[in-house]
């Protein structure tokens, strides 16, 4: 009956680790603290292993963050070339 003992120890250790990390995972998800960090993980992976797609990703993010220029209500519209 000594043969199952290593398997029981392995199973018990794995179960203990899963239970230990379940509490902090619920806390982080509940507060939304993991959103910003997890959003950058794919970008870091692509930067390391896929240089071309990372460049495209950066360009898309830059375009998404740009805002259209707004002019004064009294002045000319931006981009018309009139001074």
C-alpha atoms as a PDB file:
ATOM      1  CA  UNK A   1       0.000   0.000   0.000  1.00  0.00           C
ATOM      2  CA  UNK A   2       2.971   2.344  -0.203  1.00  0.00           C
ATOM      3  CA  UNK A   3       2.679   2.862  -3.958  1.00  0.00           C
ATOM      4  CA  UNK A   4      -0.232   5.389  -3.883  1.00  0.00           C
ATOM      5  CA  UNK A   5       1.456   7.568  -1.236  1.00  0.00           C
ATOM      6  CA  UNK A   6       3.520   9.693  -3.718  1.00  0.00           C
ATOM      7  CA  UNK A   7       0.443  10.192  -5.863  1.00  0.00           C
ATOM      8  CA  UNK A   8      -1.589  11.280  -2.850  1.00  0.00           C
ATOM      9  CA  UNK A   9       1.146  13.710  -1.822  1.00  0.00           C
ATOM     10  CA  UNK A  10       1.298  15.129  -5.352  1.00  0.00           C
ATOM     11  CA  UNK A  11      -2.480  15.445  -5.578  1.00  0.00           C
ATOM     12  CA  UNK A  12      -2.704  17.000  -2.102  1.00  0.00           C
ATOM     13  CA  UNK A  13       0.045  19.516  -2.895  1.00  0.00           C
ATOM     14  CA  UNK A  14      -1.592  20.510  -6.158  1.00  0.00           C
ATOM     15  CA  UNK A  15      -4.950  20.931  -4.423  1.00  0.00           C
ATOM     16  CA  UNK A  16      -3.363  23.059  -1.694  1.00  0.00           C
ATOM     17  CA  UNK A  17      -1.739  25.378  -4.245  1.00  0.00           C
ATOM     18  CA  UNK A  18      -5.028  25.742  -6.144  1.00  0.00           C
ATOM     19  CA  UNK A  19      -6.909  26.597  -2.940  1.00  0.00           C
ATOM     20  CA  UNK A  20      -4.164  29.030  -1.871  1.00  0.00           C
ATOM     21  CA  UNK A  21      -4.349  31.028  -5.120  1.00  0.00           C
ATOM     22  CA  UNK A  22      -8.145  31.003  -5.469  1.00  0.00           C
ATOM     23  CA  UNK A  23      -8.676  33.662  -2.781  1.00  0.00           C
ATOM     24  CA  UNK A  24      -6.338  36.304  -4.223  1.00  0.00           C
ATOM     25  CA  UNK A  25      -7.648  35.599  -7.729  1.00  0.00           C
ATOM     26  CA  UNK A  26     -11.216  36.314  -6.635  1.00  0.00           C
ATOM     27  CA  UNK A  27     -10.103  39.463  -4.851  1.00  0.00           C
ATOM     28  CA  UNK A  28      -8.217  40.775  -7.880  1.00  0.00           C
ATOM     29  CA  UNK A  29     -11.069  40.014 -10.279  1.00  0.00           C
ATOM     30  CA  UNK A  30     -13.606  41.581  -7.920  1.00  0.00           C
ATOM     31  CA  UNK A  31     -11.725  44.874  -7.725  1.00  0.00           C
ATOM     32  CA  UNK A  32     -10.751  44.952 -11.384  1.00  0.00           C
ATOM     33  CA  UNK A  33      -7.089  45.416 -10.534  1.00  0.00           C
ATOM     34  CA  UNK A  34      -5.859  42.912 -13.123  1.00  0.00           C
ATOM     35  CA  UNK A  35      -7.372  44.563 -16.198  1.00  0.00           C
ATOM     36  CA  UNK A  36      -4.549  46.921 -17.142  1.00  0.00           C
ATOM     37  CA  UNK A  37      -1.776  44.435 -16.553  1.00  0.00           C
ATOM     38  CA  UNK A  38      -3.398  41.596 -18.440  1.00  0.00           C
ATOM     39  CA  UNK A  39      -4.137  43.827 -21.410  1.00  0.00           C
ATOM     40  CA  UNK A  40      -0.434  44.334 -22.051  1.00  0.00           C
ATOM     41  CA  UNK A  41       0.542  40.656 -21.928  1.00  0.00           C
ATOM     42  CA  UNK A  42      -0.272  39.932 -25.608  1.00  0.00           C
ATOM     43  CA  UNK A  43       1.574  43.084 -26.663  1.00  0.00           C
ATOM     44  CA  UNK A  44       4.695  42.014 -24.779  1.00  0.00           C
ATOM     45  CA  UNK A  45       4.522  38.546 -26.342  1.00  0.00           C
ATOM     46  CA  UNK A  46       4.178  39.994 -29.826  1.00  0.00           C
ATOM     47  CA  UNK A  47       7.021  42.435 -29.221  1.00  0.00           C
ATOM     48  CA  UNK A  48       9.332  39.579 -28.297  1.00  0.00           C
ATOM     49  CA  UNK A  49       8.330  36.987 -30.880  1.00  0.00           C
ATOM     50  CA  UNK A  50       6.508  38.788 -33.668  1.00  0.00           C
ATOM     51  CA  UNK A  51       8.185  42.079 -34.464  1.00  0.00           C
ATOM     52  CA  UNK A  52       6.029  42.974 -37.475  1.00  0.00           C
ATOM     53  CA  UNK A  53       2.702  42.393 -35.778  1.00  0.00           C
ATOM     54  CA  UNK A  54       3.897  44.328 -32.725  1.00  0.00           C
ATOM     55  CA  UNK A  55       4.636  47.320 -34.943  1.00  0.00           C
ATOM     56  CA  UNK A  56       1.134  47.087 -36.384  1.00  0.00           C
ATOM     57  CA  UNK A  57      -0.321  46.801 -32.881  1.00  0.00           C
ATOM     58  CA  UNK A  58       1.500  49.963 -31.779  1.00  0.00           C
ATOM     59  CA  UNK A  59       0.291  51.841 -34.840  1.00  0.00           C
ATOM     60  CA  UNK A  60      -3.308  50.778 -34.240  1.00  0.00           C
ATOM     61  CA  UNK A  61      -3.131  51.870 -30.592  1.00  0.00           C
ATOM     62  CA  UNK A  62      -1.624  55.222 -31.599  1.00  0.00           C
ATOM     63  CA  UNK A  63      -4.399  55.819 -34.119  1.00  0.00           C
ATOM     64  CA  UNK A  64      -7.049  54.855 -31.582  1.00  0.00           C
ATOM     65  CA  UNK A  65      -5.654  57.286 -29.004  1.00  0.00           C
ATOM     66  CA  UNK A  66      -5.536  60.221 -31.413  1.00  0.00           C
ATOM     67  CA  UNK A  67      -8.271  62.764 -31.103  1.00  0.00           C
ATOM     68  CA  UNK A  68      -9.652  64.818 -33.947  1.00  0.00           C
ATOM     69  CA  UNK A  69      -8.570  68.453 -33.593  1.00  0.00           C
ATOM     70  CA  UNK A  70     -11.358  70.733 -32.518  1.00  0.00           C
ATOM     71  CA  UNK A  71     -11.336  74.383 -33.362  1.00  0.00           C
ATOM     72  CA  UNK A  72     -12.829  77.431 -31.804  1.00  0.00           C
ATOM     73  CA  UNK A  73     -16.507  78.115 -32.520  1.00  0.00           C
ATOM     74  CA  UNK A  74     -15.517  81.521 -33.935  1.00  0.00           C
ATOM     75  CA  UNK A  75     -12.518  80.446 -36.019  1.00  0.00           C
ATOM     76  CA  UNK A  76     -12.111  78.422 -39.191  1.00  0.00           C
ATOM     77  CA  UNK A  77     -12.407  74.656 -39.135  1.00  0.00           C
ATOM     78  CA  UNK A  78      -9.125  72.800 -38.673  1.00  0.00           C
ATOM     79  CA  UNK A  79      -7.694  71.223 -41.777  1.00  0.00           C
ATOM     80  CA  UNK A  80      -9.302  73.633 -44.259  1.00  0.00           C
ATOM     81  CA  UNK A  81      -6.050  75.523 -44.861  1.00  0.00           C
ATOM     82  CA  UNK A  82      -7.702  78.930 -44.343  1.00  0.00           C
ATOM     83  CA  UNK A  83      -6.063  81.279 -41.879  1.00  0.00           C
END
